Amino acid sequence: MARYLFDDLWYNSTPQQRLSVSSVEGYNVFQGISLSVDDRQKVLNLHLKDEYLSPYLKTNMNLFHLLMMDEQADIKFFKLENGWLFEFDGIPAGPKPFGQQKYDTR
């Protein structure tokens, strides 16, 4: 699924969206793209949170991060030699405190 999504986004991207990066997080990158706000929903529709325990998904985020992703996060999508890499920026590190005592009292 990620292969088809990357190909679609790459061919419909503008030259300003295409990234000239050779490596990210120690992985060799062939192509990279910075997603527009309109295209971010396509990545979120992959439902990465449903693949959290899959052996085919490697992530350094916990399940909270995967559940809290929305269109406000800056998303970069890279094509690697043996897979694809998503880079998410702007995801909250933890839940925001709420209530009078800064936590849920239920």
N, C-alpha and C. Protein backbone atom coordinates (compact mmCIF):
# COMPACT_ATOMS: atom_id res chain seq x y z
N MET A 1 0.82 -1.19 0.00
CA MET A 1 0.00 0.00 0.00
C MET A 1 0.87 1.26 0.00
N ALA A 2 1.94 1.25 0.80
CA ALA A 2 2.81 2.42 0.87
C ALA A 2 3.50 2.66 -0.47
N ARG A 3 3.80 1.60 -1.19
CA ARG A 3 4.46 1.74 -2.49
C ARG A 3 3.58 2.53 -3.46
N TYR A 4 2.32 2.17 -3.54
CA TYR A 4 1.42 2.85 -4.46
C TYR A 4 1.16 4.29 -4.02
N LEU A 5 1.07 4.49 -2.72
CA LEU A 5 0.85 5.84 -2.21
C LEU A 5 2.06 6.73 -2.51
N PHE A 6 3.27 6.21 -2.29
CA PHE A 6 4.46 7.01 -2.58
C PHE A 6 4.54 7.35 -4.06
N ASP A 7 4.31 6.37 -4.92
CA ASP A 7 4.38 6.63 -6.36
C ASP A 7 3.37 7.69 -6.78
N ASP A 8 2.16 7.61 -6.25
CA ASP A 8 1.13 8.59 -6.58
C ASP A 8 1.52 9.99 -6.10
N LEU A 9 1.99 10.07 -4.86
CA LEU A 9 2.38 11.37 -4.31
C LEU A 9 3.61 11.94 -5.03
N TRP A 10 4.54 11.07 -5.41
CA TRP A 10 5.76 11.53 -6.08
C TRP A 10 5.44 12.12 -7.45
N TYR A 11 4.62 11.43 -8.21
CA TYR A 11 4.32 11.90 -9.57
C TYR A 11 3.40 13.12 -9.58
N ASN A 12 2.65 13.32 -8.52
CA ASN A 12 1.76 14.48 -8.44
C ASN A 12 2.35 15.62 -7.62
N SER A 13 3.61 15.49 -7.22
CA SER A 13 4.23 16.53 -6.38
C SER A 13 4.88 17.61 -7.24
N THR A 14 5.11 18.73 -6.60
CA THR A 14 5.82 19.84 -7.26
C THR A 14 7.31 19.70 -6.96
N PRO A 15 8.16 20.32 -7.75
CA PRO A 15 9.61 20.24 -7.46
C PRO A 15 9.98 20.80 -6.09
N GLN A 16 9.19 21.74 -5.56
CA GLN A 16 9.48 22.29 -4.24
C GLN A 16 9.22 21.27 -3.13
N GLN A 17 8.32 20.33 -3.37
CA GLN A 17 8.01 19.32 -2.36
C GLN A 17 9.03 18.19 -2.34
N ARG A 18 9.74 17.99 -3.42
CA ARG A 18 10.71 16.89 -3.49
C ARG A 18 11.96 17.25 -2.70
N LEU A 19 12.42 16.30 -1.91
CA LEU A 19 13.55 16.53 -1.02
C LEU A 19 14.81 15.92 -1.62
N SER A 20 15.91 16.63 -1.51
CA SER A 20 17.19 16.10 -1.98
C SER A 20 18.01 15.69 -0.76
N VAL A 21 17.72 14.50 -0.26
CA VAL A 21 18.36 13.96 0.93
C VAL A 21 18.96 12.62 0.57
N SER A 22 20.17 12.34 1.05
CA SER A 22 20.79 11.06 0.74
C SER A 22 20.63 10.04 1.86
N SER A 23 20.47 10.51 3.10
CA SER A 23 20.25 9.57 4.20
C SER A 23 19.43 10.23 5.30
N VAL A 24 18.60 9.41 5.94
CA VAL A 24 17.76 9.86 7.06
C VAL A 24 17.83 8.78 8.12
N GLU A 25 18.19 9.17 9.34
CA GLU A 25 18.27 8.23 10.47
C GLU A 25 19.16 7.03 10.15
N GLY A 26 20.19 7.24 9.35
CA GLY A 26 21.11 6.16 9.02
C GLY A 26 20.67 5.27 7.86
N TYR A 27 19.55 5.57 7.24
CA TYR A 27 19.05 4.80 6.10
C TYR A 27 19.35 5.55 4.81
N ASN A 28 19.77 4.82 3.78
CA ASN A 28 20.00 5.44 2.48
C ASN A 28 18.66 5.72 1.81
N VAL A 29 18.49 6.95 1.35
CA VAL A 29 17.23 7.40 0.77
C VAL A 29 17.40 7.58 -0.73
N PHE A 30 16.45 7.04 -1.50
CA PHE A 30 16.46 7.24 -2.95
C PHE A 30 15.68 8.48 -3.34
N GLN A 31 14.49 8.62 -2.79
CA GLN A 31 13.64 9.77 -3.08
C GLN A 31 12.92 10.18 -1.81
N GLY A 32 12.60 11.46 -1.71
CA GLY A 32 11.86 11.94 -0.55
C GLY A 32 10.91 13.04 -0.95
N ILE A 33 9.83 13.16 -0.20
CA ILE A 33 8.83 14.17 -0.50
C ILE A 33 8.27 14.72 0.81
N SER A 34 8.08 16.03 0.85
CA SER A 34 7.42 16.68 1.97
C SER A 34 5.96 16.85 1.58
N LEU A 35 5.07 16.32 2.39
CA LEU A 35 3.66 16.28 2.01
C LEU A 35 2.95 17.59 2.30
N SER A 36 2.07 17.96 1.39
CA SER A 36 1.22 19.13 1.61
C SER A 36 0.12 18.76 2.59
N VAL A 37 -0.58 19.76 3.07
CA VAL A 37 -1.65 19.53 4.04
C VAL A 37 -2.73 18.63 3.43
N ASP A 38 -3.00 18.79 2.16
CA ASP A 38 -4.03 17.98 1.50
C ASP A 38 -3.62 16.51 1.40
N ASP A 39 -2.33 16.25 1.23
CA ASP A 39 -1.86 14.88 1.06
C ASP A 39 -1.59 14.16 2.38
N ARG A 40 -1.54 14.89 3.47
CA ARG A 40 -1.26 14.26 4.77
C ARG A 40 -2.34 13.27 5.16
N GLN A 41 -3.57 13.55 4.78
CA GLN A 41 -4.68 12.65 5.13
C GLN A 41 -4.50 11.29 4.46
N LYS A 42 -3.88 11.26 3.30
CA LYS A 42 -3.65 9.98 2.61
C LYS A 42 -2.73 9.08 3.43
N VAL A 43 -1.71 9.66 4.05
CA VAL A 43 -0.82 8.88 4.90
C VAL A 43 -1.53 8.45 6.17
N LEU A 44 -2.32 9.35 6.74
CA LEU A 44 -3.04 9.00 7.97
C LEU A 44 -4.07 7.90 7.71
N ASN A 45 -4.58 7.82 6.49
CA ASN A 45 -5.54 6.78 6.15
C ASN A 45 -4.91 5.39 6.03
N LEU A 46 -3.59 5.31 6.09
CA LEU A 46 -2.94 3.99 6.11
C LEU A 46 -3.19 3.27 7.43
N HIS A 47 -3.68 3.98 8.43
CA HIS A 47 -3.99 3.42 9.75
C HIS A 47 -2.78 2.68 10.33
N LEU A 48 -1.68 3.41 10.47
CA LEU A 48 -0.47 2.81 11.02
C LEU A 48 -0.68 2.28 12.42
N LYS A 49 -1.64 2.85 13.15
CA LYS A 49 -1.90 2.37 14.51
C LYS A 49 -2.41 0.93 14.51
N ASP A 50 -3.06 0.50 13.42
CA ASP A 50 -3.54 -0.87 13.33
C ASP A 50 -2.42 -1.86 13.06
N GLU A 51 -1.30 -1.36 12.56
CA GLU A 51 -0.15 -2.21 12.25
C GLU A 51 0.92 -2.16 13.34
N TYR A 52 0.59 -1.61 14.50
CA TYR A 52 1.56 -1.37 15.55
C TYR A 52 2.30 -2.64 15.96
N LEU A 53 1.63 -3.75 16.05
CA LEU A 53 2.25 -5.01 16.48
C LEU A 53 2.71 -5.87 15.31
N SER A 54 2.57 -5.38 14.11
CA SER A 54 2.97 -6.14 12.94
C SER A 54 4.50 -6.21 12.84
N PRO A 55 5.04 -7.35 12.42
CA PRO A 55 6.50 -7.43 12.25
C PRO A 55 7.00 -6.63 11.05
N TYR A 56 6.09 -6.14 10.22
CA TYR A 56 6.48 -5.39 9.03
C TYR A 56 6.59 -3.89 9.28
N LEU A 57 6.20 -3.44 10.46
CA LEU A 57 6.25 -2.03 10.80
C LEU A 57 7.26 -1.83 11.92
N LYS A 58 8.23 -0.98 11.67
CA LYS A 58 9.23 -0.65 12.68
C LYS A 58 9.06 0.82 13.03
N THR A 59 8.87 1.11 14.31
CA THR A 59 8.64 2.49 14.72
C THR A 59 9.34 2.78 16.04
N ASN A 60 9.68 4.04 16.24
CA ASN A 60 10.21 4.46 17.53
C ASN A 60 9.16 5.25 18.31
N MET A 61 7.92 5.20 17.84
CA MET A 61 6.82 5.88 18.52
C MET A 61 6.01 4.84 19.30
N ASN A 62 5.41 5.29 20.40
CA ASN A 62 4.53 4.38 21.11
C ASN A 62 3.12 4.50 20.54
N LEU A 63 2.22 3.69 21.04
CA LEU A 63 0.86 3.67 20.50
C LEU A 63 0.15 5.01 20.71
N PHE A 64 0.46 5.71 21.79
CA PHE A 64 -0.13 7.03 22.01
C PHE A 64 0.20 7.97 20.85
N HIS A 65 1.46 7.98 20.43
CA HIS A 65 1.85 8.84 19.32
C HIS A 65 1.10 8.48 18.04
N LEU A 66 0.96 7.20 17.78
CA LEU A 66 0.27 6.77 16.56
C LEU A 66 -1.20 7.16 16.59
N LEU A 67 -1.80 7.14 17.77
CA LEU A 67 -3.21 7.50 17.89
C LEU A 67 -3.43 9.01 17.81
N MET A 68 -2.44 9.80 18.18
CA MET A 68 -2.59 11.25 18.24
C MET A 68 -2.19 11.95 16.94
N MET A 69 -1.83 11.22 15.90
CA MET A 69 -1.44 11.86 14.65
C MET A 69 -2.65 12.50 13.98
N ASP A 70 -2.45 13.68 13.44
CA ASP A 70 -3.50 14.35 12.67
C ASP A 70 -2.84 15.18 11.57
N GLU A 71 -3.65 15.96 10.86
CA GLU A 71 -3.14 16.72 9.71
C GLU A 71 -2.18 17.83 10.10
N GLN A 72 -2.13 18.18 11.37
CA GLN A 72 -1.24 19.27 11.79
C GLN A 72 0.21 18.83 11.86
N ALA A 73 0.46 17.54 11.90
CA ALA A 73 1.83 17.04 11.94
C ALA A 73 2.48 17.22 10.57
N ASP A 74 3.74 17.61 10.59
CA ASP A 74 4.51 17.74 9.35
C ASP A 74 5.00 16.34 8.97
N ILE A 75 4.66 15.89 7.77
CA ILE A 75 4.98 14.52 7.36
C ILE A 75 5.92 14.55 6.16
N LYS A 76 6.99 13.78 6.28
CA LYS A 76 7.90 13.56 5.16
C LYS A 76 7.89 12.07 4.86
N PHE A 77 7.94 11.73 3.58
CA PHE A 77 7.79 10.36 3.11
C PHE A 77 9.00 10.04 2.25
N PHE A 78 9.74 8.98 2.60
CA PHE A 78 10.97 8.64 1.89
C PHE A 78 10.90 7.23 1.33
N LYS A 79 11.50 7.06 0.17
CA LYS A 79 11.63 5.74 -0.45
C LYS A 79 13.04 5.24 -0.17
N LEU A 80 13.13 4.06 0.46
CA LEU A 80 14.41 3.46 0.81
C LEU A 80 14.67 2.26 -0.10
N GLU A 81 15.80 1.64 0.12
CA GLU A 81 16.16 0.47 -0.68
C GLU A 81 15.20 -0.70 -0.42
N ASN A 82 14.86 -0.92 0.84
CA ASN A 82 14.02 -2.07 1.20
C ASN A 82 12.71 -1.69 1.86
N GLY A 83 12.21 -0.50 1.60
CA GLY A 83 10.96 -0.11 2.23
C GLY A 83 10.73 1.38 2.14
N TRP A 84 9.89 1.88 3.03
CA TRP A 84 9.52 3.29 3.05
C TRP A 84 9.65 3.82 4.46
N LEU A 85 9.95 5.10 4.57
CA LEU A 85 10.16 5.73 5.86
C LEU A 85 9.26 6.96 5.96
N PHE A 86 8.51 7.03 7.05
CA PHE A 86 7.69 8.21 7.35
C PHE A 86 8.38 8.97 8.47
N GLU A 87 8.47 10.27 8.32
CA GLU A 87 9.02 11.12 9.39
C GLU A 87 7.93 12.10 9.79
N PHE A 88 7.54 12.03 11.06
CA PHE A 88 6.47 12.88 11.58
C PHE A 88 7.07 13.90 12.54
N ASP A 89 6.78 15.17 12.32
CA ASP A 89 7.20 16.25 13.22
C ASP A 89 5.96 16.97 13.72
N GLY A 90 5.99 17.37 14.98
CA GLY A 90 4.87 18.12 15.54
C GLY A 90 3.84 17.26 16.24
N ILE A 91 4.21 16.04 16.61
CA ILE A 91 3.29 15.18 17.36
C ILE A 91 3.57 15.40 18.85
N PRO A 92 2.54 15.60 19.67
CA PRO A 92 2.78 15.87 21.09
C PRO A 92 3.51 14.71 21.77
N ALA A 93 4.39 15.05 22.71
CA ALA A 93 5.17 14.03 23.42
C ALA A 93 4.31 13.24 24.40
N GLY A 94 3.24 13.84 24.88
CA GLY A 94 2.36 13.16 25.82
C GLY A 94 1.03 13.86 25.87
N PRO A 95 0.08 13.30 26.58
CA PRO A 95 -1.23 13.94 26.66
C PRO A 95 -1.16 15.25 27.43
N LYS A 96 -2.00 16.19 27.04
CA LYS A 96 -2.06 17.47 27.74
C LYS A 96 -2.83 17.29 29.04
N PRO A 97 -2.33 17.86 30.13
CA PRO A 97 -3.06 17.76 31.39
C PRO A 97 -4.37 18.53 31.32
N PHE A 98 -5.38 18.02 32.00
CA PHE A 98 -6.67 18.69 31.99
C PHE A 98 -7.34 18.47 33.33
N GLY A 99 -8.37 19.21 33.59
CA GLY A 99 -9.10 19.10 34.84
C GLY A 99 -8.48 19.97 35.92
N GLN A 100 -9.15 20.03 37.04
CA GLN A 100 -8.70 20.90 38.13
C GLN A 100 -7.37 20.46 38.71
N GLN A 101 -7.16 19.15 38.80
CA GLN A 101 -5.92 18.64 39.38
C GLN A 101 -4.95 18.16 38.30
N LYS A 102 -5.19 18.55 37.06
CA LYS A 102 -4.33 18.24 35.91
C LYS A 102 -4.31 16.77 35.52
N TYR A 103 -5.33 16.02 35.91
CA TYR A 103 -5.48 14.65 35.45
C TYR A 103 -6.94 14.25 35.60
N ASP A 104 -7.30 13.18 34.97
CA ASP A 104 -8.68 12.72 35.00
C ASP A 104 -8.96 12.02 36.33
N THR A 105 -9.95 12.50 37.05
CA THR A 105 -10.24 11.94 38.38
C THR A 105 -11.27 10.82 38.34
N ARG A 106 -11.67 10.39 37.15
CA ARG A 106 -12.67 9.32 37.10
C ARG A 106 -12.11 8.00 37.52
